[in-house]
Amino acid sequence: EFNYDGPVTESYNEVRLRPLTDDKQSCLSFRLTTKPASQSRS
């Protein structure tokens, strides 16, 4: 969570939070949500 001192009108973000799928684990599902709502690309 980010709480800003004042209003922000442009926020560009990049996250790496999805667990890897490899020979030791499998990511069965992943969901990213933001508030305010946004569309993500990956």
PDB file of all heavy atoms in Angstrom:
ATOM      1  N   GLU A   1       0.838  -1.196   0.000  1.00  0.00           N
ATOM      2  CA  GLU A   1       0.000   0.000   0.000  1.00  0.00           C
ATOM      3  C   GLU A   1       0.875   1.249   0.000  1.00  0.00           C
ATOM      4  O   GLU A   1       1.870   1.314   0.724  1.00  0.00           O
ATOM      5  CB  GLU A   1      -0.917   0.027   1.227  1.00  0.00           C
ATOM      6  CG  GLU A   1      -1.957  -1.072   1.211  1.00  0.00           C
ATOM      7  CD  GLU A   1      -2.882  -1.029   2.407  1.00  0.00           C
ATOM      8  OE1 GLU A   1      -2.394  -0.782   3.533  1.00  0.00           O
ATOM      9  OE2 GLU A   1      -4.084  -1.248   2.211  1.00  0.00           O
ATOM     10  N   PHE A   2       0.491   2.202  -0.828  1.00  0.00           N
ATOM     11  CA  PHE A   2       1.147   3.501  -0.874  1.00  0.00           C
ATOM     12  C   PHE A   2       0.137   4.559  -0.451  1.00  0.00           C
ATOM     13  O   PHE A   2      -0.994   4.572  -0.946  1.00  0.00           O
ATOM     14  CB  PHE A   2       1.634   3.825  -2.296  1.00  0.00           C
ATOM     15  CG  PHE A   2       2.670   2.873  -2.813  1.00  0.00           C
ATOM     16  CD1 PHE A   2       2.309   1.803  -3.603  1.00  0.00           C
ATOM     17  CD2 PHE A   2       4.008   3.061  -2.493  1.00  0.00           C
ATOM     18  CE1 PHE A   2       3.265   0.924  -4.087  1.00  0.00           C
ATOM     19  CE2 PHE A   2       4.976   2.183  -2.974  1.00  0.00           C
ATOM     20  CZ  PHE A   2       4.603   1.113  -3.768  1.00  0.00           C
ATOM     21  N   ASN A   3       0.533   5.428   0.467  1.00  0.00           N
ATOM     22  CA  ASN A   3      -0.293   6.555   0.892  1.00  0.00           C
ATOM     23  C   ASN A   3       0.510   7.817   0.601  1.00  0.00           C
ATOM     24  O   ASN A   3       1.569   8.034   1.194  1.00  0.00           O
ATOM     25  CB  ASN A   3      -0.625   6.459   2.386  1.00  0.00           C
ATOM     26  CG  ASN A   3      -1.460   5.238   2.692  1.00  0.00           C
ATOM     27  OD1 ASN A   3      -2.567   5.104   2.198  1.00  0.00           O
ATOM     28  ND2 ASN A   3      -0.921   4.326   3.479  1.00  0.00           N
ATOM     29  N   TYR A   4       0.013   8.647  -0.308  1.00  0.00           N
ATOM     30  CA  TYR A   4       0.732   9.825  -0.754  1.00  0.00           C
ATOM     31  C   TYR A   4       0.337  11.048   0.061  1.00  0.00           C
ATOM     32  O   TYR A   4      -0.768  11.141   0.588  1.00  0.00           O
ATOM     33  CB  TYR A   4       0.454  10.076  -2.241  1.00  0.00           C
ATOM     34  CG  TYR A   4       0.766   8.869  -3.105  1.00  0.00           C
ATOM     35  CD1 TYR A   4      -0.247   8.127  -3.702  1.00  0.00           C
ATOM     36  CD2 TYR A   4       2.077   8.465  -3.319  1.00  0.00           C
ATOM     37  CE1 TYR A   4       0.032   7.021  -4.495  1.00  0.00           C
ATOM     38  CE2 TYR A   4       2.374   7.363  -4.108  1.00  0.00           C
ATOM     39  CZ  TYR A   4       1.343   6.649  -4.686  1.00  0.00           C
ATOM     40  OH  TYR A   4       1.626   5.565  -5.451  1.00  0.00           O
ATOM     41  N   ASP A   5       1.239  12.018   0.146  1.00  0.00           N
ATOM     42  CA  ASP A   5       0.979  13.264   0.878  1.00  0.00           C
ATOM     43  C   ASP A   5      -0.105  14.102   0.215  1.00  0.00           C
ATOM     44  O   ASP A   5      -0.778  14.887   0.870  1.00  0.00           O
ATOM     45  CB  ASP A   5       2.254  14.101   0.998  1.00  0.00           C
ATOM     46  CG  ASP A   5       3.281  13.456   1.901  1.00  0.00           C
ATOM     47  OD1 ASP A   5       2.891  12.630   2.741  1.00  0.00           O
ATOM     48  OD2 ASP A   5       4.472  13.769   1.759  1.00  0.00           O
ATOM     49  N   GLY A   6      -0.236  13.958  -1.083  1.00  0.00           N
ATOM     50  CA  GLY A   6      -1.232  14.727  -1.835  1.00  0.00           C
ATOM     51  C   GLY A   6      -1.726  13.906  -2.994  1.00  0.00           C
ATOM     52  O   GLY A   6      -1.325  12.760  -3.184  1.00  0.00           O
ATOM     53  N   PRO A   7      -2.614  14.480  -3.792  1.00  0.00           N
ATOM     54  CA  PRO A   7      -3.166  13.735  -4.926  1.00  0.00           C
ATOM     55  C   PRO A   7      -2.097  13.430  -5.982  1.00  0.00           C
ATOM     56  O   PRO A   7      -1.226  14.248  -6.261  1.00  0.00           O
ATOM     57  CB  PRO A   7      -4.245  14.659  -5.489  1.00  0.00           C
ATOM     58  CG  PRO A   7      -4.179  15.926  -4.730  1.00  0.00           C
ATOM     59  CD  PRO A   7      -3.190  15.793  -3.636  1.00  0.00           C
ATOM     60  N   VAL A   8      -2.189  12.238  -6.540  1.00  0.00           N
ATOM     61  CA  VAL A   8      -1.293  11.775  -7.598  1.00  0.00           C
ATOM     62  C   VAL A   8      -2.153  11.534  -8.827  1.00  0.00           C
ATOM     63  O   VAL A   8      -3.228  10.940  -8.729  1.00  0.00           O
ATOM     64  CB  VAL A   8      -0.575  10.479  -7.170  1.00  0.00           C
ATOM     65  CG1 VAL A   8       0.254   9.912  -8.305  1.00  0.00           C
ATOM     66  CG2 VAL A   8       0.272  10.715  -5.940  1.00  0.00           C
ATOM     67  N   THR A   9      -1.672  11.973  -9.983  1.00  0.00           N
ATOM     68  CA  THR A   9      -2.485  11.795 -11.192  1.00  0.00           C
ATOM     69  C   THR A   9      -1.870  10.828 -12.188  1.00  0.00           C
ATOM     70  O   THR A   9      -2.542  10.402 -13.108  1.00  0.00           O
ATOM     71  CB  THR A   9      -2.717  13.145 -11.899  1.00  0.00           C
ATOM     72  OG1 THR A   9      -1.448  13.739 -12.168  1.00  0.00           O
ATOM     73  CG2 THR A   9      -3.553  14.075 -11.039  1.00  0.00           C
ATOM     74  N   GLU A  10      -0.615  10.476 -12.024  1.00  0.00           N
ATOM     75  CA  GLU A  10       0.016   9.515 -12.922  1.00  0.00           C
ATOM     76  C   GLU A  10       0.873   8.559 -12.107  1.00  0.00           C
ATOM     77  O   GLU A  10       1.792   8.990 -11.417  1.00  0.00           O
ATOM     78  CB  GLU A  10       0.887  10.225 -13.963  1.00  0.00           C
ATOM     79  CG  GLU A  10       0.101  11.088 -14.919  1.00  0.00           C
ATOM     80  CD  GLU A  10       0.988  11.780 -15.937  1.00  0.00           C
ATOM     81  OE1 GLU A  10       2.198  11.458 -15.997  1.00  0.00           O
ATOM     82  OE2 GLU A  10       0.473  12.622 -16.674  1.00  0.00           O
ATOM     83  N   SER A  11       0.569   7.275 -12.182  1.00  0.00           N
ATOM     84  CA  SER A  11       1.326   6.268 -11.454  1.00  0.00           C
ATOM     85  C   SER A  11       1.607   5.111 -12.398  1.00  0.00           C
ATOM     86  O   SER A  11       0.687   4.416 -12.829  1.00  0.00           O
ATOM     87  CB  SER A  11       0.515   5.807 -10.238  1.00  0.00           C
ATOM     88  OG  SER A  11       1.191   4.795  -9.542  1.00  0.00           O
ATOM     89  N   TYR A  12       2.883   4.926 -12.741  1.00  0.00           N
ATOM     90  CA  TYR A  12       3.303   3.855 -13.643  1.00  0.00           C
ATOM     91  C   TYR A  12       4.051   2.820 -12.810  1.00  0.00           C
ATOM     92  O   TYR A  12       4.991   3.167 -12.108  1.00  0.00           O
ATOM     93  CB  TYR A  12       4.210   4.412 -14.747  1.00  0.00           C
ATOM     94  CG  TYR A  12       3.512   5.444 -15.592  1.00  0.00           C
ATOM     95  CD1 TYR A  12       3.617   6.799 -15.303  1.00  0.00           C
ATOM     96  CD2 TYR A  12       2.717   5.061 -16.666  1.00  0.00           C
ATOM     97  CE1 TYR A  12       2.967   7.753 -16.071  1.00  0.00           C
ATOM     98  CE2 TYR A  12       2.063   6.004 -17.442  1.00  0.00           C
ATOM     99  CZ  TYR A  12       2.190   7.343 -17.140  1.00  0.00           C
ATOM    100  OH  TYR A  12       1.539   8.279 -17.896  1.00  0.00           O
ATOM    101  N   ASN A  13       3.621   1.578 -12.879  1.00  0.00           N
ATOM    102  CA  ASN A  13       4.128   0.559 -11.956  1.00  0.00           C
ATOM    103  C   ASN A  13       4.537  -0.714 -12.680  1.00  0.00           C
ATOM    104  O   ASN A  13       3.988  -1.066 -13.725  1.00  0.00           O
ATOM    105  CB  ASN A  13       3.041   0.218 -10.934  1.00  0.00           C
ATOM    106  CG  ASN A  13       2.586   1.440 -10.180  1.00  0.00           C
ATOM    107  OD1 ASN A  13       3.195   1.818  -9.203  1.00  0.00           O
ATOM    108  ND2 ASN A  13       1.528   2.090 -10.651  1.00  0.00           N
ATOM    109  N   GLU A  14       5.476  -1.418 -12.046  1.00  0.00           N
ATOM    110  CA  GLU A  14       5.956  -2.703 -12.524  1.00  0.00           C
ATOM    111  C   GLU A  14       6.193  -3.573 -11.299  1.00  0.00           C
ATOM    112  O   GLU A  14       6.882  -3.155 -10.370  1.00  0.00           O
ATOM    113  CB  GLU A  14       7.256  -2.467 -13.292  1.00  0.00           C
ATOM    114  CG  GLU A  14       7.869  -3.692 -13.880  1.00  0.00           C
ATOM    115  CD  GLU A  14       9.101  -3.350 -14.703  1.00  0.00           C
ATOM    116  OE1 GLU A  14       8.943  -2.817 -15.816  1.00  0.00           O
ATOM    117  OE2 GLU A  14      10.205  -3.626 -14.223  1.00  0.00           O
ATOM    118  N   VAL A  15       5.608  -4.769 -11.275  1.00  0.00           N
ATOM    119  CA  VAL A  15       5.790  -5.668 -10.137  1.00  0.00           C
ATOM    120  C   VAL A  15       6.183  -7.055 -10.632  1.00  0.00           C
ATOM    121  O   VAL A  15       5.809  -7.476 -11.719  1.00  0.00           O
ATOM    122  CB  VAL A  15       4.518  -5.765  -9.245  1.00  0.00           C
ATOM    123  CG1 VAL A  15       4.198  -4.409  -8.628  1.00  0.00           C
ATOM    124  CG2 VAL A  15       3.329  -6.301 -10.007  1.00  0.00           C
ATOM    125  N   ARG A  16       6.948  -7.734  -9.793  1.00  0.00           N
ATOM    126  CA  ARG A  16       7.343  -9.129 -10.034  1.00  0.00           C
ATOM    127  C   ARG A  16       6.913  -9.915  -8.799  1.00  0.00           C
ATOM    128  O   ARG A  16       7.719 -10.155  -7.908  1.00  0.00           O
ATOM    129  CB  ARG A  16       8.858  -9.217 -10.246  1.00  0.00           C
ATOM    130  CG  ARG A  16       9.325  -8.649 -11.556  1.00  0.00           C
ATOM    131  CD  ARG A  16      10.847  -8.577 -11.616  1.00  0.00           C
ATOM    132  NE  ARG A  16      11.336  -8.247 -12.927  1.00  0.00           N
ATOM    133  CZ  ARG A  16      11.391  -7.021 -13.422  1.00  0.00           C
ATOM    134  NH1 ARG A  16      10.987  -5.991 -12.693  1.00  0.00           N
ATOM    135  NH2 ARG A  16      11.853  -6.800 -14.637  1.00  0.00           N
ATOM    136  N   LEU A  17       5.668 -10.295  -8.767  1.00  0.00           N
ATOM    137  CA  LEU A  17       5.108 -10.937  -7.578  1.00  0.00           C
ATOM    138  C   LEU A  17       4.504 -12.309  -7.858  1.00  0.00           C
ATOM    139  O   LEU A  17       4.007 -12.955  -6.937  1.00  0.00           O
ATOM    140  CB  LEU A  17       4.034 -10.020  -6.953  1.00  0.00           C
ATOM    141  CG  LEU A  17       4.552  -8.687  -6.413  1.00  0.00           C
ATOM    142  CD1 LEU A  17       3.388  -7.767  -6.039  1.00  0.00           C
ATOM    143  CD2 LEU A  17       5.447  -8.918  -5.215  1.00  0.00           C
ATOM    144  N   ARG A  18       4.539 -12.759  -9.098  1.00  0.00           N
ATOM    145  CA  ARG A  18       3.987 -14.077  -9.424  1.00  0.00           C
ATOM    146  C   ARG A  18       5.041 -15.146  -9.157  1.00  0.00           C
ATOM    147  O   ARG A  18       6.161 -15.063  -9.657  1.00  0.00           O
ATOM    148  CB  ARG A  18       3.561 -14.125 -10.888  1.00  0.00           C
ATOM    149  CG  ARG A  18       3.006 -15.463 -11.301  1.00  0.00           C
ATOM    150  CD  ARG A  18       2.543 -15.428 -12.736  1.00  0.00           C
ATOM    151  NE  ARG A  18       2.131 -16.738 -13.175  1.00  0.00           N
ATOM    152  CZ  ARG A  18       1.416 -16.948 -14.265  1.00  0.00           C
ATOM    153  NH1 ARG A  18       1.046 -15.936 -15.022  1.00  0.00           N
ATOM    154  NH2 ARG A  18       1.086 -18.164 -14.611  1.00  0.00           N
ATOM    155  N   PRO A  19       4.712 -16.164  -8.357  1.00  0.00           N
ATOM    156  CA  PRO A  19       5.678 -17.247  -8.103  1.00  0.00           C
ATOM    157  C   PRO A  19       6.039 -17.978  -9.400  1.00  0.00           C
ATOM    158  O   PRO A  19       5.213 -18.133 -10.298  1.00  0.00           O
ATOM    159  CB  PRO A  19       4.920 -18.182  -7.149  1.00  0.00           C
ATOM    160  CG  PRO A  19       3.877 -17.312  -6.511  1.00  0.00           C
ATOM    161  CD  PRO A  19       3.483 -16.329  -7.580  1.00  0.00           C
ATOM    162  N   LEU A  20       7.278 -18.413  -9.473  1.00  0.00           N
ATOM    163  CA  LEU A  20       7.755 -19.150 -10.643  1.00  0.00           C
ATOM    164  C   LEU A  20       7.154 -20.548 -10.702  1.00  0.00           C
ATOM    165  O   LEU A  20       6.830 -21.140  -9.683  1.00  0.00           O
ATOM    166  CB  LEU A  20       9.271 -19.301 -10.587  1.00  0.00           C
ATOM    167  CG  LEU A  20      10.116 -18.069 -10.840  1.00  0.00           C
ATOM    168  CD1 LEU A  20      11.594 -18.389 -10.630  1.00  0.00           C
ATOM    169  CD2 LEU A  20       9.892 -17.548 -12.241  1.00  0.00           C
ATOM    170  N   THR A  21       7.058 -21.059 -11.902  1.00  0.00           N
ATOM    171  CA  THR A  21       6.780 -22.472 -12.106  1.00  0.00           C
ATOM    172  C   THR A  21       8.079 -23.079 -12.613  1.00  0.00           C
ATOM    173  O   THR A  21       8.621 -22.636 -13.626  1.00  0.00           O
ATOM    174  CB  THR A  21       5.645 -22.675 -13.120  1.00  0.00           C
ATOM    175  OG1 THR A  21       4.430 -22.195 -12.547  1.00  0.00           O
ATOM    176  CG2 THR A  21       5.496 -24.144 -13.492  1.00  0.00           C
ATOM    177  N   ASP A  22       8.597 -24.047 -11.862  1.00  0.00           N
ATOM    178  CA  ASP A  22       9.842 -24.700 -12.263  1.00  0.00           C
ATOM    179  C   ASP A  22       9.789 -26.153 -11.830  1.00  0.00           C
ATOM    180  O   ASP A  22       8.720 -26.696 -11.582  1.00  0.00           O
ATOM    181  CB  ASP A  22      11.056 -23.956 -11.706  1.00  0.00           C
ATOM    182  CG  ASP A  22      11.085 -23.869 -10.181  1.00  0.00           C
ATOM    183  OD1 ASP A  22      10.342 -24.625  -9.514  1.00  0.00           O
ATOM    184  OD2 ASP A  22      11.855 -23.050  -9.646  1.00  0.00           O
ATOM    185  N   ASP A  23      10.958 -26.810 -11.725  1.00  0.00           N
ATOM    186  CA  ASP A  23      10.971 -28.229 -11.380  1.00  0.00           C
ATOM    187  C   ASP A  23      10.685 -28.486  -9.901  1.00  0.00           C
ATOM    188  O   ASP A  23      10.514 -29.632  -9.495  1.00  0.00           O
ATOM    189  CB  ASP A  23      12.300 -28.871 -11.781  1.00  0.00           C
ATOM    190  CG  ASP A  23      13.495 -28.211 -11.132  1.00  0.00           C
ATOM    191  OD1 ASP A  23      13.372 -27.061 -10.666  1.00  0.00           O
ATOM    192  OD2 ASP A  23      14.567 -28.838 -11.098  1.00  0.00           O
ATOM    193  N   LYS A  24      10.606 -27.437  -9.076  1.00  0.00           N
ATOM    194  CA  LYS A  24      10.340 -27.612  -7.648  1.00  0.00           C
ATOM    195  C   LYS A  24       8.970 -27.124  -7.208  1.00  0.00           C
ATOM    196  O   LYS A  24       8.515 -27.462  -6.121  1.00  0.00           O
ATOM    197  CB  LYS A  24      11.412 -26.897  -6.825  1.00  0.00           C
ATOM    198  CG  LYS A  24      12.791 -27.487  -7.010  1.00  0.00           C
ATOM    199  CD  LYS A  24      13.806 -26.810  -6.142  1.00  0.00           C
ATOM    200  CE  LYS A  24      15.168 -27.433  -6.364  1.00  0.00           C
ATOM    201  NZ  LYS A  24      16.191 -26.809  -5.550  1.00  0.00           N
ATOM    202  N   GLN A  25       8.317 -26.308  -8.027  1.00  0.00           N
ATOM    203  CA  GLN A  25       7.004 -25.784  -7.650  1.00  0.00           C
ATOM    204  C   GLN A  25       6.219 -25.426  -8.896  1.00  0.00           C
ATOM    205  O   GLN A  25       6.786 -25.215  -9.966  1.00  0.00           O
ATOM    206  CB  GLN A  25       7.117 -24.570  -6.746  1.00  0.00           C
ATOM    207  CG  GLN A  25       7.683 -23.339  -7.433  1.00  0.00           C
ATOM    208  CD  GLN A  25       7.822 -22.161  -6.487  1.00  0.00           C
ATOM    209  OE1 GLN A  25       7.960 -22.338  -5.284  1.00  0.00           O
ATOM    210  NE2 GLN A  25       7.784 -20.963  -7.014  1.00  0.00           N
ATOM    211  N   SER A  26       4.904 -25.354  -8.732  1.00  0.00           N
ATOM    212  CA  SER A  26       4.028 -24.993  -9.833  1.00  0.00           C
ATOM    213  C   SER A  26       3.045 -23.935  -9.348  1.00  0.00           C
ATOM    214  O   SER A  26       2.359 -24.136  -8.337  1.00  0.00           O
ATOM    215  CB  SER A  26       3.286 -26.237 -10.319  1.00  0.00           C
ATOM    216  OG  SER A  26       2.442 -25.910 -11.388  1.00  0.00           O
ATOM    217  N   CYS A  27       2.990 -22.825 -10.054  1.00  0.00           N
ATOM    218  CA  CYS A  27       2.030 -21.772  -9.713  1.00  0.00           C
ATOM    219  C   CYS A  27       0.700 -22.157 -10.356  1.00  0.00           C
ATOM    220  O   CYS A  27       0.541 -22.093 -11.567  1.00  0.00           O
ATOM    221  CB  CYS A  27       2.515 -20.416 -10.213  1.00  0.00           C
ATOM    222  SG  CYS A  27       1.415 -19.060  -9.777  1.00  0.00           S
ATOM    223  N   LEU A  28      -0.261 -22.565  -9.527  1.00  0.00           N
ATOM    224  CA  LEU A  28      -1.542 -23.041 -10.034  1.00  0.00           C
ATOM    225  C   LEU A  28      -2.476 -21.898 -10.404  1.00  0.00           C
ATOM    226  O   LEU A  28      -3.285 -22.026 -11.313  1.00  0.00           O
ATOM    227  CB  LEU A  28      -2.208 -23.939  -8.990  1.00  0.00           C
ATOM    228  CG  LEU A  28      -1.413 -25.175  -8.574  1.00  0.00           C
ATOM    229  CD1 LEU A  28      -2.158 -25.949  -7.498  1.00  0.00           C
ATOM    230  CD2 LEU A  28      -1.102 -26.051  -9.775  1.00  0.00           C
ATOM    231  N   SER A  29      -2.390 -20.783  -9.664  1.00  0.00           N
ATOM    232  CA  SER A  29      -3.220 -19.624  -9.997  1.00  0.00           C
ATOM    233  C   SER A  29      -2.546 -18.359  -9.498  1.00  0.00           C
ATOM    234  O   SER A  29      -1.753 -18.386  -8.553  1.00  0.00           O
ATOM    235  CB  SER A  29      -4.617 -19.755  -9.385  1.00  0.00           C
ATOM    236  OG  SER A  29      -4.557 -19.689  -7.970  1.00  0.00           O
ATOM    237  N   PHE A  30      -2.879 -17.254 -10.158  1.00  0.00           N
ATOM    238  CA  PHE A  30      -2.313 -15.951  -9.791  1.00  0.00           C
ATOM    239  C   PHE A  30      -3.317 -14.879 -10.172  1.00  0.00           C
ATOM    240  O   PHE A  30      -3.894 -14.914 -11.264  1.00  0.00           O
ATOM    241  CB  PHE A  30      -0.994 -15.701 -10.522  1.00  0.00           C
ATOM    242  CG  PHE A  30      -0.417 -14.335 -10.252  1.00  0.00           C
ATOM    243  CD1 PHE A  30       0.276 -14.089  -9.076  1.00  0.00           C
ATOM    244  CD2 PHE A  30      -0.597 -13.308 -11.155  1.00  0.00           C
ATOM    245  CE1 PHE A  30       0.793 -12.823  -8.819  1.00  0.00           C
ATOM    246  CE2 PHE A  30      -0.082 -12.047 -10.899  1.00  0.00           C
ATOM    247  CZ  PHE A  30       0.611 -11.803  -9.734  1.00  0.00           C
ATOM    248  N   ARG A  31      -3.535 -13.923  -9.263  1.00  0.00           N
ATOM    249  CA  ARG A  31      -4.428 -12.797  -9.542  1.00  0.00           C
ATOM    250  C   ARG A  31      -3.803 -11.528  -8.978  1.00  0.00           C
ATOM    251  O   ARG A  31      -3.359 -11.503  -7.825  1.00  0.00           O
ATOM    252  CB  ARG A  31      -5.806 -13.030  -8.915  1.00  0.00           C
ATOM    253  CG  ARG A  31      -6.801 -11.930  -9.267  1.00  0.00           C
ATOM    254  CD  ARG A  31      -8.127 -12.130  -8.587  1.00  0.00           C
ATOM    255  NE  ARG A  31      -7.879 -11.938  -7.154  1.00  0.00           N
ATOM    256  CZ  ARG A  31      -8.628 -12.426  -6.189  1.00  0.00           C
ATOM    257  NH1 ARG A  31      -9.656 -13.163  -6.463  1.00  0.00           N
ATOM    258  NH2 ARG A  31      -8.329 -12.209  -4.933  1.00  0.00           N
ATOM    259  N   LEU A  32      -3.779 -10.486  -9.787  1.00  0.00           N
ATOM    260  CA  LEU A  32      -3.282  -9.173  -9.383  1.00  0.00           C
ATOM    261  C   LEU A  32      -4.449  -8.198  -9.433  1.00  0.00           C
ATOM    262  O   LEU A  32      -5.136  -8.103 -10.447  1.00  0.00           O
ATOM    263  CB  LEU A  32      -2.178  -8.707 -10.339  1.00  0.00           C
ATOM    264  CG  LEU A  32      -1.737  -7.247 -10.242  1.00  0.00           C
ATOM    265  CD1 LEU A  32      -0.970  -6.993  -8.949  1.00  0.00           C
ATOM    266  CD2 LEU A  32      -0.890  -6.865 -11.440  1.00  0.00           C
ATOM    267  N   THR A  33      -4.680  -7.492  -8.321  1.00  0.00           N
ATOM    268  CA  THR A  33      -5.712  -6.456  -8.293  1.00  0.00           C
ATOM    269  C   THR A  33      -5.115  -5.182  -7.726  1.00  0.00           C
ATOM    270  O   THR A  33      -4.197  -5.225  -6.896  1.00  0.00           O
ATOM    271  CB  THR A  33      -6.941  -6.872  -7.446  1.00  0.00           C
ATOM    272  OG1 THR A  33      -6.498  -7.199  -6.129  1.00  0.00           O
ATOM    273  CG2 THR A  33      -7.660  -8.058  -8.047  1.00  0.00           C
ATOM    274  N   THR A  34      -5.647  -4.063  -8.192  1.00  0.00           N
ATOM    275  CA  THR A  34      -5.202  -2.771  -7.690  1.00  0.00           C
ATOM    276  C   THR A  34      -6.421  -1.939  -7.317  1.00  0.00           C
ATOM    277  O   THR A  34      -7.514  -2.125  -7.840  1.00  0.00           O
ATOM    278  CB  THR A  34      -4.382  -1.995  -8.749  1.00  0.00           C
ATOM    279  OG1 THR A  34      -5.209  -1.700  -9.872  1.00  0.00           O
ATOM    280  CG2 THR A  34      -3.160  -2.775  -9.177  1.00  0.00           C
ATOM    281  N   LYS A  35      -6.192  -1.028  -6.380  1.00  0.00           N
ATOM    282  CA  LYS A  35      -7.229  -0.068  -6.010  1.00  0.00           C
ATOM    283  C   LYS A  35      -6.554   1.282  -5.920  1.00  0.00           C
ATOM    284  O   LYS A  35      -5.660   1.440  -5.085  1.00  0.00           O
ATOM    285  CB  LYS A  35      -7.863  -0.434  -4.668  1.00  0.00           C
ATOM    286  CG  LYS A  35      -9.010   0.465  -4.282  1.00  0.00           C
ATOM    287  CD  LYS A  35      -9.649   0.009  -2.999  1.00  0.00           C
ATOM    288  CE  LYS A  35     -10.778   0.949  -2.635  1.00  0.00           C
ATOM    289  NZ  LYS A  35     -11.374   0.571  -1.365  1.00  0.00           N
ATOM    290  N   PRO A  36      -6.874   2.227  -6.782  1.00  0.00           N
ATOM    291  CA  PRO A  36      -7.889   2.213  -7.824  1.00  0.00           C
ATOM    292  C   PRO A  36      -7.612   1.112  -8.858  1.00  0.00           C
ATOM    293  O   PRO A  36      -6.474   0.723  -9.093  1.00  0.00           O
ATOM    294  CB  PRO A  36      -7.782   3.599  -8.474  1.00  0.00           C
ATOM    295  CG  PRO A  36      -6.905   4.418  -7.608  1.00  0.00           C
ATOM    296  CD  PRO A  36      -6.154   3.489  -6.734  1.00  0.00           C
ATOM    297  N   ALA A  37      -8.677   0.661  -9.472  1.00  0.00           N
ATOM    298  CA  ALA A  37      -8.595  -0.431 -10.432  1.00  0.00           C
ATOM    299  C   ALA A  37      -7.798  -0.018 -11.659  1.00  0.00           C
ATOM    300  O   ALA A  37      -7.820   1.149 -12.073  1.00  0.00           O
ATOM    301  CB  ALA A  37      -9.998  -0.870 -10.840  1.00  0.00           C
ATOM    302  N   SER A  38      -7.066  -0.969 -12.204  1.00  0.00           N
ATOM    303  CA  SER A  38      -6.295  -0.732 -13.430  1.00  0.00           C
ATOM    304  C   SER A  38      -6.219  -2.030 -14.212  1.00  0.00           C
ATOM    305  O   SER A  38      -6.490  -3.103 -13.676  1.00  0.00           O
ATOM    306  CB  SER A  38      -4.889  -0.237 -13.093  1.00  0.00           C
ATOM    307  OG  SER A  38      -4.165  -1.247 -12.424  1.00  0.00           O
ATOM    308  N   GLN A  39      -5.838  -1.909 -15.470  1.00  0.00           N
ATOM    309  CA  GLN A  39      -5.594  -3.095 -16.291  1.00  0.00           C
ATOM    310  C   GLN A  39      -4.099  -3.352 -16.331  1.00  0.00           C
ATOM    311  O   GLN A  39      -3.311  -2.417 -16.480  1.00  0.00           O
ATOM    312  CB  GLN A  39      -6.127  -2.893 -17.707  1.00  0.00           C
ATOM    313  CG  GLN A  39      -7.626  -2.878 -17.789  1.00  0.00           C
ATOM    314  CD  GLN A  39      -8.103  -2.838 -19.232  1.00  0.00           C
ATOM    315  OE1 GLN A  39      -7.364  -2.478 -20.139  1.00  0.00           O
ATOM    316  NE2 GLN A  39      -9.352  -3.222 -19.439  1.00  0.00           N
ATOM    317  N   SER A  40      -3.724  -4.608 -16.197  1.00  0.00           N
ATOM    318  CA  SER A  40      -2.300  -4.936 -16.229  1.00  0.00           C
ATOM    319  C   SER A  40      -1.955  -5.699 -17.502  1.00  0.00           C
ATOM    320  O   SER A  40      -2.812  -6.333 -18.112  1.00  0.00           O
ATOM    321  CB  SER A  40      -1.916  -5.759 -14.995  1.00  0.00           C
ATOM    322  OG  SER A  40      -2.567  -7.005 -15.011  1.00  0.00           O
ATOM    323  N   ARG A  41      -0.700  -5.595 -17.851  1.00  0.00           N
ATOM    324  CA  ARG A  41      -0.133  -6.374 -18.947  1.00  0.00           C
ATOM    325  C   ARG A  41       1.024  -7.166 -18.348  1.00  0.00           C
ATOM    326  O   ARG A  41       1.631  -6.743 -17.367  1.00  0.00           O
ATOM    327  CB  ARG A  41       0.372  -5.460 -20.051  1.00  0.00           C
ATOM    328  CG  ARG A  41      -0.746  -4.759 -20.786  1.00  0.00           C
ATOM    329  CD  ARG A  41      -0.198  -4.056 -22.032  1.00  0.00           C
ATOM    330  NE  ARG A  41      -1.260  -3.653 -22.908  1.00  0.00           N
ATOM    331  CZ  ARG A  41      -1.886  -2.478 -22.819  1.00  0.00           C
ATOM    332  NH1 ARG A  41      -1.549  -1.621 -21.883  1.00  0.00           N
ATOM    333  NH2 ARG A  41      -2.842  -2.171 -23.669  1.00  0.00           N
ATOM    334  N   SER A  42       1.347  -8.289 -18.968  1.00  0.00           N
ATOM    335  CA  SER A  42       2.426  -9.102 -18.407  1.00  0.00           C
ATOM    336  C   SER A  42       3.330  -9.632 -19.504  1.00  0.00           C
ATOM    337  O   SER A  42       2.930  -9.766 -20.657  1.00  0.00           O
ATOM    338  CB  SER A  42       1.850 -10.256 -17.586  1.00  0.00           C
ATOM    339  OG  SER A  42       1.113 -11.129 -18.416  1.00  0.00           O
TER     340      SER A  42
END
